[in-house]
C-alpha atoms as a PDB file:
ATOM      1  CA  MET A   1       0.038   0.003   0.021  1.00  0.00           C
ATOM      2  CA  MET A   2       2.822   2.371   0.930  1.00  0.00           C
ATOM      3  CA  LEU A   3       4.580   1.535  -2.412  1.00  0.00           C
ATOM      4  CA  LYS A   4       1.389   2.377  -4.341  1.00  0.00           C
ATOM      5  CA  PHE A   5       1.092   5.722  -2.458  1.00  0.00           C
ATOM      6  CA  LYS A   6       4.686   6.651  -3.351  1.00  0.00           C
ATOM      7  CA  LEU A   7       4.103   5.742  -6.994  1.00  0.00           C
ATOM      8  CA  ASN A   8       0.983   7.799  -7.147  1.00  0.00           C
ATOM      9  CA  LYS A   9       2.825  10.732  -5.574  1.00  0.00           C
ATOM     10  CA  LEU A  10       5.686  10.425  -7.972  1.00  0.00           C
ATOM     11  CA  PHE A  11       3.290  10.192 -10.917  1.00  0.00           C
ATOM     12  CA  PHE A  12       1.518  13.403  -9.696  1.00  0.00           C
ATOM     13  CA  VAL A  13       4.842  15.258  -9.440  1.00  0.00           C
ATOM     14  CA  VAL A  14       5.950  14.194 -12.927  1.00  0.00           C
ATOM     15  CA  LEU A  15       2.609  15.125 -14.414  1.00  0.00           C
ATOM     16  CA  SER A  16       2.663  18.546 -12.734  1.00  0.00           C
ATOM     17  CA  PHE A  17       6.188  19.179 -13.885  1.00  0.00           C
ATOM     18  CA  SER A  18       5.252  18.189 -17.487  1.00  0.00           C
ATOM     19  CA  VAL A  19       2.266  20.598 -17.441  1.00  0.00           C
ATOM     20  CA  PHE A  20       4.576  23.380 -16.189  1.00  0.00           C
ATOM     21  CA  LEU A  21       7.052  22.790 -18.972  1.00  0.00           C
ATOM     22  CA  ILE A  22       4.309  22.817 -21.624  1.00  0.00           C
ATOM     23  CA  GLN A  23       2.935  26.080 -20.240  1.00  0.00           C
ATOM     24  CA  ALA A  24       6.427  27.573 -20.125  1.00  0.00           C
ATOM     25  CA  GLN A  25       7.014  26.561 -23.749  1.00  0.00           C
ATOM     26  CA  ASP A  26       3.700  28.092 -24.785  1.00  0.00           C
ATOM     27  CA  SER A  27       4.468  31.279 -22.948  1.00  0.00           C
ATOM     28  CA  SER A  28       7.943  31.550 -24.532  1.00  0.00           C
ATOM     29  CA  SER A  29       6.426  30.858 -27.949  1.00  0.00           C
ATOM     30  CA  GLU A  30       3.829  33.599 -27.449  1.00  0.00           C
ATOM     31  CA  SER A  31       6.571  36.015 -26.331  1.00  0.00           C
ATOM     32  CA  ALA A  32       8.622  35.183 -29.385  1.00  0.00           C
ATOM     33  CA  ASP A  33       5.637  35.627 -31.667  1.00  0.00           C
ATOM     34  CA  THR A  34       4.846  39.067 -30.186  1.00  0.00           C
ATOM     35  CA  ILE A  35       8.334  40.601 -30.585  1.00  0.00           C
ATOM     36  CA  GLU A  36       7.897  43.817 -32.401  1.00  0.00           C
ATOM     37  CA  GLU A  37       9.975  44.373 -35.488  1.00  0.00           C
ATOM     38  CA  VAL A  38      11.745  47.766 -35.437  1.00  0.00           C
ATOM     39  CA  ILE A  39      12.167  49.416 -38.819  1.00  0.00           C
ATOM     40  CA  THR A  40      15.214  51.693 -39.320  1.00  0.00           C
ATOM     41  CA  THR A  41      16.286  54.123 -42.073  1.00  0.00           C
ATOM     42  CA  ALA A  42      19.970  54.033 -41.102  1.00  0.00           C
ATOM     43  CA  ARG A  43      20.925  53.308 -44.715  1.00  0.00           C
ATOM     44  CA  ARG A  44      18.376  55.681 -46.239  1.00  0.00           C
ATOM     45  CA  THR A  45      15.868  52.860 -46.866  1.00  0.00           C
ATOM     46  CA  GLU A  46      13.355  51.149 -44.646  1.00  0.00           C
ATOM     47  CA  GLU A  47      14.663  47.781 -43.327  1.00  0.00           C
ATOM     48  CA  SER A  48      14.634  45.735 -40.183  1.00  0.00           C
ATOM     49  CA  VAL A  49      17.117  46.864 -37.516  1.00  0.00           C
ATOM     50  CA  ILE A  50      18.532  43.304 -37.370  1.00  0.00           C
ATOM     51  CA  ASP A  51      19.648  43.648 -41.010  1.00  0.00           C
ATOM     52  CA  VAL A  52      21.737  46.755 -40.523  1.00  0.00           C
ATOM     53  CA  PRO A  53      25.488  46.023 -40.062  1.00  0.00           C
ATOM     54  CA  ILE A  54      26.267  48.890 -37.763  1.00  0.00           C
ATOM     55  CA  THR A  55      25.810  49.689 -34.076  1.00  0.00           C
ATOM     56  CA  ILE A  56      22.325  51.158 -33.708  1.00  0.00           C
ATOM     57  CA  SER A  57      19.763  51.727 -30.997  1.00  0.00           C
ATOM     58  CA  ALA A  58      16.240  51.979 -32.396  1.00  0.00           C
ATOM     59  CA  PHE A  59      12.996  52.614 -30.586  1.00  0.00           C
ATOM     60  CA  THR A  60       9.370  52.907 -31.662  1.00  0.00           C
ATOM     61  CA  GLY A  61       7.115  55.564 -30.394  1.00  0.00           C
ATOM     62  CA  SER A  62       5.460  53.041 -28.075  1.00  0.00           C
ATOM     63  CA  ASP A  63       8.912  52.107 -26.647  1.00  0.00           C
ATOM     64  CA  LEU A  64       9.615  55.733 -25.832  1.00  0.00           C
ATOM     65  CA  GLU A  65       6.229  56.153 -24.110  1.00  0.00           C
ATOM     66  CA  GLU A  66       6.668  52.958 -22.037  1.00  0.00           C
ATOM     67  CA  LYS A  67      10.163  54.056 -20.951  1.00  0.00           C
ATOM     68  CA  GLY A  68       9.035  57.588 -20.078  1.00  0.00           C
ATOM     69  CA  ILE A  69      11.243  59.268 -22.681  1.00  0.00           C
ATOM     70  CA  THR A  70       9.659  62.703 -23.210  1.00  0.00           C
ATOM     71  CA  ASN A  71      12.735  64.787 -24.132  1.00  0.00           C
ATOM     72  CA  MET A  72      15.973  64.279 -26.103  1.00  0.00           C
ATOM     73  CA  GLU A  73      17.904  64.571 -22.818  1.00  0.00           C
ATOM     74  CA  ASN A  74      16.242  61.436 -21.496  1.00  0.00           C
ATOM     75  CA  LEU A  75      17.913  59.274 -24.181  1.00  0.00           C
ATOM     76  CA  ALA A  76      20.989  58.867 -21.981  1.00  0.00           C
ATOM     77  CA  SER A  77      18.927  56.660 -19.672  1.00  0.00           C
ATOM     78  CA  ILE A  78      18.207  54.033 -22.379  1.00  0.00           C
ATOM     79  CA  VAL A  79      21.110  54.401 -24.870  1.00  0.00           C
ATOM     80  CA  SER A  80      24.580  53.404 -23.722  1.00  0.00           C
ATOM     81  CA  ASN A  81      27.650  55.602 -24.365  1.00  0.00           C
ATOM     82  CA  ILE A  82      25.570  58.728 -25.117  1.00  0.00           C
ATOM     83  CA  ASN A  83      25.759  61.957 -23.151  1.00  0.00           C
ATOM     84  CA  PHE A  84      23.890  65.241 -23.293  1.00  0.00           C
ATOM     85  CA  GLN A  85      25.741  68.099 -21.470  1.00  0.00           C
ATOM     86  CA  LYS A  86      23.231  70.903 -20.974  1.00  0.00           C
ATOM     87  CA  SER A  87      24.284  74.460 -21.513  1.00  0.00           C
ATOM     88  CA  ALA A  88      24.387  76.604 -18.346  1.00  0.00           C
ATOM     89  CA  ASN A  89      22.768  79.553 -20.096  1.00  0.00           C
ATOM     90  CA  ASN A  90      20.165  77.886 -22.318  1.00  0.00           C
ATOM     91  CA  GLN A  91      18.185  74.833 -21.312  1.00  0.00           C
ATOM     92  CA  SER A  92      17.443  73.912 -24.906  1.00  0.00           C
ATOM     93  CA  VAL A  93      21.112  73.685 -25.919  1.00  0.00           C
ATOM     94  CA  ALA A  94      23.266  70.586 -25.355  1.00  0.00           C
ATOM     95  CA  ASN A  95      26.682  69.273 -26.264  1.00  0.00           C
ATOM     96  CA  VAL A  96      26.055  65.742 -27.497  1.00  0.00           C
ATOM     97  CA  SER A  97      28.718  63.012 -27.390  1.00  0.00           C
ATOM     98  CA  VAL A  98      28.683  59.313 -28.347  1.00  0.00           C
ATOM     99  CA  ARG A  99      31.383  57.022 -27.029  1.00  0.00           C
ATOM    100  CA  GLY A 100      33.184  60.010 -25.498  1.00  0.00           C
ATOM    101  CA  MET A 101      33.443  61.924 -28.779  1.00  0.00           C
ATOM    102  CA  GLY A 102      31.274  64.893 -29.709  1.00  0.00           C
ATOM    103  CA  SER A 103      30.902  68.652 -29.512  1.00  0.00           C
ATOM    104  CA  SER A 104      32.783  70.456 -26.799  1.00  0.00           C
ATOM    105  CA  ARG A 105      30.984  73.800 -27.224  1.00  0.00           C
ATOM    106  CA  GLY A 106      27.360  74.761 -27.725  1.00  0.00           C
ATOM    107  CA  ALA A 107      27.965  78.199 -29.290  1.00  0.00           C
ATOM    108  CA  ILE A 108      26.097  79.025 -32.469  1.00  0.00           C
ATOM    109  CA  GLN A 109      29.300  79.330 -34.532  1.00  0.00           C
ATOM    110  CA  TRP A 110      30.357  75.680 -33.794  1.00  0.00           C
ATOM    111  CA  ASP A 111      29.310  72.725 -35.830  1.00  0.00           C
ATOM    112  CA  ASN A 112      27.903  69.587 -34.295  1.00  0.00           C
ATOM    113  CA  LYS A 113      29.826  66.322 -34.243  1.00  0.00           C
ATOM    114  CA  ILE A 114      26.589  64.379 -33.782  1.00  0.00           C
ATOM    115  CA  ALA A 115      24.072  65.108 -36.510  1.00  0.00           C
ATOM    116  CA  ILE A 116      20.422  65.334 -35.429  1.00  0.00           C
ATOM    117  CA  TYR A 117      17.846  64.784 -38.150  1.00  0.00           C
ATOM    118  CA  VAL A 118      14.110  65.492 -37.517  1.00  0.00           C
ATOM    119  CA  ASP A 119      11.905  64.122 -40.355  1.00  0.00           C
ATOM    120  CA  ASP A 120      15.005  64.056 -42.602  1.00  0.00           C
ATOM    121  CA  ALA A 121      15.711  67.744 -41.869  1.00  0.00           C
ATOM    122  CA  TYR A 122      19.187  68.361 -40.493  1.00  0.00           C
ATOM    123  CA  MET A 123      19.501  70.605 -37.384  1.00  0.00           C
ATOM    124  CA  ILE A 124      22.356  72.891 -38.318  1.00  0.00           C
ATOM    125  CA  ARG A 125      23.285  74.121 -34.826  1.00  0.00           C
ATOM    126  CA  PRO A 126      22.934  72.733 -31.249  1.00  0.00           C
ATOM    127  CA  GLN A 127      20.348  75.465 -30.315  1.00  0.00           C
ATOM    128  CA  GLY A 128      17.064  73.694 -29.782  1.00  0.00           C
ATOM    129  CA  SER A 129      18.588  70.148 -29.747  1.00  0.00           C
ATOM    130  CA  LEU A 130      16.829  69.332 -26.422  1.00  0.00           C
ATOM    131  CA  PHE A 131      13.318  69.312 -27.845  1.00  0.00           C
ATOM    132  CA  ASP A 132      10.335  67.399 -26.399  1.00  0.00           C
ATOM    133  CA  LEU A 133       9.212  64.123 -27.916  1.00  0.00           C
ATOM    134  CA  PHE A 134       5.514  63.428 -28.617  1.00  0.00           C
ATOM    135  CA  ASP A 135       3.671  61.548 -31.426  1.00  0.00           C
ATOM    136  CA  VAL A 136       6.951  60.057 -32.521  1.00  0.00           C
ATOM    137  CA  ASN A 137       7.018  57.136 -34.999  1.00  0.00           C
ATOM    138  CA  ASN A 138      10.583  56.014 -34.289  1.00  0.00           C
ATOM    139  CA  LEU A 139      13.907  57.237 -32.969  1.00  0.00           C
ATOM    140  CA  GLN A 140      17.345  55.885 -33.981  1.00  0.00           C
ATOM    141  CA  VAL A 141      20.803  56.433 -32.627  1.00  0.00           C
ATOM    142  CA  LEU A 142      23.572  55.474 -35.009  1.00  0.00           C
ATOM    143  CA  LYS A 143      26.976  55.110 -33.446  1.00  0.00           C
ATOM    144  CA  GLY A 144      30.236  55.697 -35.270  1.00  0.00           C
ATOM    145  CA  PRO A 145      31.018  57.835 -38.368  1.00  0.00           C
ATOM    146  CA  GLN A 146      28.006  58.231 -40.730  1.00  0.00           C
ATOM    147  CA  GLY A 147      29.485  60.656 -43.218  1.00  0.00           C
ATOM    148  CA  THR A 148      28.668  58.580 -46.304  1.00  0.00           C
ATOM    149  CA  LEU A 149      24.871  58.912 -45.929  1.00  0.00           C
ATOM    150  CA  PHE A 150      24.399  61.758 -43.438  1.00  0.00           C
ATOM    151  CA  GLY A 151      27.026  64.418 -44.197  1.00  0.00           C
ATOM    152  CA  LYS A 152      30.155  65.773 -42.725  1.00  0.00           C
ATOM    153  CA  ASN A 153      29.030  66.545 -39.191  1.00  0.00           C
ATOM    154  CA  THR A 154      28.594  62.925 -38.161  1.00  0.00           C
ATOM    155  CA  SER A 155      32.097  61.926 -37.153  1.00  0.00           C
ATOM    156  CA  SER A 156      30.774  60.448 -33.938  1.00  0.00           C
ATOM    157  CA  GLY A 157      27.266  59.374 -34.965  1.00  0.00           C
ATOM    158  CA  ALA A 158      23.752  60.564 -35.871  1.00  0.00           C
ATOM    159  CA  ILE A 159      20.379  60.749 -34.200  1.00  0.00           C
ATOM    160  CA  LEU A 160      17.277  60.294 -36.407  1.00  0.00           C
ATOM    161  CA  VAL A 161      13.845  61.319 -35.145  1.00  0.00           C
ATOM    162  CA  ASN A 162      10.848  60.445 -37.377  1.00  0.00           C
ATOM    163  CA  ASN A 163       7.416  61.710 -36.342  1.00  0.00           C
ATOM    164  CA  ASN A 164       4.079  60.160 -37.225  1.00  0.00           C
ATOM    165  CA  LEU A 165       2.856  61.158 -40.686  1.00  0.00           C
ATOM    166  CA  PRO A 166      -0.737  62.308 -41.379  1.00  0.00           C
ATOM    167  CA  ILE A 167      -3.197  59.418 -41.919  1.00  0.00           C
ATOM    168  CA  ILE A 168      -5.486  60.073 -44.939  1.00  0.00           C
ATOM    169  CA  GLY A 169      -9.133  59.361 -44.428  1.00  0.00           C
ATOM    170  CA  GLU A 170      -9.016  59.024 -40.651  1.00  0.00           C
ATOM    171  CA  TYR A 171      -9.746  61.459 -37.869  1.00  0.00           C
ATOM    172  CA  ASP A 172      -7.595  60.931 -34.748  1.00  0.00           C
ATOM    173  CA  SER A 173      -6.567  62.899 -31.682  1.00  0.00           C
ATOM    174  CA  SER A 174      -4.711  62.495 -28.431  1.00  0.00           C
ATOM    175  CA  VAL A 175      -3.790  64.538 -25.397  1.00  0.00           C
ATOM    176  CA  LYS A 176      -1.160  63.973 -22.734  1.00  0.00           C
ATOM    177  CA  VAL A 177      -0.971  66.000 -19.470  1.00  0.00           C
ATOM    178  CA  SER A 178       1.929  65.724 -16.994  1.00  0.00           C
ATOM    179  CA  MET A 179       2.422  67.419 -13.634  1.00  0.00           C
ATOM    180  CA  GLY A 180       5.353  67.035 -11.210  1.00  0.00           C
ATOM    181  CA  GLN A 181       7.880  68.564  -8.898  1.00  0.00           C
ATOM    182  CA  ARG A 182       9.044  72.212  -9.254  1.00  0.00           C
ATOM    183  CA  ASN A 183       5.599  73.099 -10.611  1.00  0.00           C
ATOM    184  CA  LEU A 184       6.003  71.043 -13.729  1.00  0.00           C
ATOM    185  CA  ASN A 185       3.099  71.518 -16.151  1.00  0.00           C
ATOM    186  CA  SER A 186       3.236  69.825 -19.525  1.00  0.00           C
ATOM    187  CA  VAL A 187       0.477  69.523 -22.088  1.00  0.00           C
ATOM    188  CA  SER A 188       0.924  67.731 -25.440  1.00  0.00           C
ATOM    189  CA  ALA A 189      -1.847  67.436 -28.039  1.00  0.00           C
ATOM    190  CA  MET A 190      -2.193  65.951 -31.479  1.00  0.00           C
ATOM    191  CA  VAL A 191      -5.019  66.025 -34.040  1.00  0.00           C
ATOM    192  CA  ASN A 192      -5.132  64.330 -37.435  1.00  0.00           C
ATOM    193  CA  ILE A 193      -7.737  65.925 -39.746  1.00  0.00           C
ATOM    194  CA  PRO A 194      -8.781  64.470 -43.161  1.00  0.00           C
ATOM    195  CA  LEU A 195      -8.985  67.335 -45.602  1.00  0.00           C
ATOM    196  CA  ALA A 196     -10.179  65.360 -48.679  1.00  0.00           C
ATOM    197  CA  SER A 197     -10.207  61.850 -49.995  1.00  0.00           C
ATOM    198  CA  ASN A 198      -6.490  62.198 -50.824  1.00  0.00           C
ATOM    199  CA  ALA A 199      -5.252  64.675 -48.216  1.00  0.00           C
ATOM    200  CA  ALA A 200      -4.827  64.990 -44.435  1.00  0.00           C
ATOM    201  CA  LEU A 201      -3.278  67.412 -41.926  1.00  0.00           C
ATOM    202  CA  ARG A 202      -1.568  66.406 -38.676  1.00  0.00           C
ATOM    203  CA  VAL A 203      -0.981  69.135 -36.093  1.00  0.00           C
ATOM    204  CA  VAL A 204       1.005  68.709 -32.861  1.00  0.00           C
ATOM    205  CA  GLY A 205       1.498  71.236 -30.058  1.00  0.00           C
ATOM    206  CA  ILE A 206       3.582  70.911 -26.852  1.00  0.00           C
ATOM    207  CA  SER A 207       3.848  73.265 -23.897  1.00  0.00           C
ATOM    208  CA  LYS A 208       6.203  72.520 -21.008  1.00  0.00           C
ATOM    209  CA  LYS A 209       6.991  74.735 -18.054  1.00  0.00           C
ATOM    210  CA  GLN A 210       8.930  74.064 -14.848  1.00  0.00           C
ATOM    211  CA  ASP A 211      10.556  76.163 -12.186  1.00  0.00           C
ATOM    212  CA  GLY A 212      14.318  76.248 -11.781  1.00  0.00           C
ATOM    213  CA  TYR A 213      16.426  74.407  -9.219  1.00  0.00           C
ATOM    214  CA  ILE A 214      18.990  77.146  -8.597  1.00  0.00           C
ATOM    215  CA  ASN A 215      17.821  80.487  -7.130  1.00  0.00           C
ATOM    216  CA  ASN A 216      19.421  83.551  -8.669  1.00  0.00           C
ATOM    217  CA  LEU A 217      19.911  85.742  -5.626  1.00  0.00           C
ATOM    218  CA  ASP A 218      20.825  88.953  -7.519  1.00  0.00           C
ATOM    219  CA  ARG A 219      17.543  88.810  -9.412  1.00  0.00           C
ATOM    220  CA  LEU A 220      19.311  90.133 -12.513  1.00  0.00           C
ATOM    221  CA  GLY A 221      18.578  86.964 -14.447  1.00  0.00           C
ATOM    222  CA  ASP A 222      16.346  83.891 -14.412  1.00  0.00           C
ATOM    223  CA  ASP A 223      16.794  81.008 -11.921  1.00  0.00           C
ATOM    224  CA  GLY A 224      18.916  78.159 -13.144  1.00  0.00           C
ATOM    225  CA  GLY A 225      17.172  75.197 -14.642  1.00  0.00           C
ATOM    226  CA  ILE A 226      13.940  76.942 -15.703  1.00  0.00           C
ATOM    227  CA  ILE A 227      12.098  75.149 -18.486  1.00  0.00           C
ATOM    228  CA  ASP A 228       9.753  77.140 -20.744  1.00  0.00           C
ATOM    229  CA  ASN A 229       9.360  75.283 -24.000  1.00  0.00           C
ATOM    230  CA  GLU A 230       6.684  75.577 -26.645  1.00  0.00           C
ATOM    231  CA  THR A 231       6.672  73.369 -29.780  1.00  0.00           C
ATOM    232  CA  PHE A 232       4.361  73.439 -32.755  1.00  0.00           C
ATOM    233  CA  ARG A 233       4.446  71.087 -35.740  1.00  0.00           C
ATOM    234  CA  ALA A 234       2.136  70.727 -38.778  1.00  0.00           C
ATOM    235  CA  MET A 235       2.462  68.140 -41.522  1.00  0.00           C
ATOM    236  CA  LEU A 236       0.431  67.958 -44.701  1.00  0.00           C
ATOM    237  CA  SER A 237       0.091  64.744 -46.689  1.00  0.00           C
ATOM    238  CA  VAL A 238      -1.399  64.605 -50.186  1.00  0.00           C
ATOM    239  CA  ASP A 239      -1.655  61.529 -52.406  1.00  0.00           C
ATOM    240  CA  ILE A 240      -0.959  62.975 -55.849  1.00  0.00           C
ATOM    241  CA  THR A 241      -0.983  59.564 -57.556  1.00  0.00           C
ATOM    242  CA  GLU A 242      -1.093  55.946 -56.408  1.00  0.00           C
ATOM    243  CA  LYS A 243       2.744  55.951 -56.143  1.00  0.00           C
ATOM    244  CA  LEU A 244       3.449  59.577 -55.360  1.00  0.00           C
ATOM    245  CA  ASN A 245       2.742  61.244 -51.993  1.00  0.00           C
END
């Protein structure tokens, strides 16, 4: 009787372990099936990030939202070997470096060493490089020289920011409100408006204000660290032919 009890107990343990393994395999299979493919334009054409033979960090707009990345300065928390050194006099200016190489000055007469492209438009100077991120399609950080495809000021790398394009034939809107310490007030809004059967307009507005963290006792200037940013973006999309937009 005792032997039969031990065999039944052993059978129950083996059966439970088998069910656990099957569930674990199913779970891993589901996880593998739901891995999101990230598309990059690092070689001036859309392709999967796993096919690009360079060091690249690529994120979708959903990735940035989940990780709480709301400003270019926040990239240092999710991308290795990148640094944004904020200017002491202008909170929207930063000296960007990748792998220890980059711009050493943020003055208007100095070129960048890390090229920043927003919707394929090159930002000529570091002024305004710490802009807010909202309604972004994808963001890519290319490490190493990129002069062949992205110009001379890419000796250390390039950062590509691609925003969502207008969606023809569909009305859409979203609003994001954030509040926090030092009287942080941030409001971001997007609206996608169909204009015709072949045209649409997408408008994005961002307002972000926050008190400083250094009190200027002489009152001759603003407190250090004050944020007062306003961003406006409008994009028009027109389908001229079936193959031309």
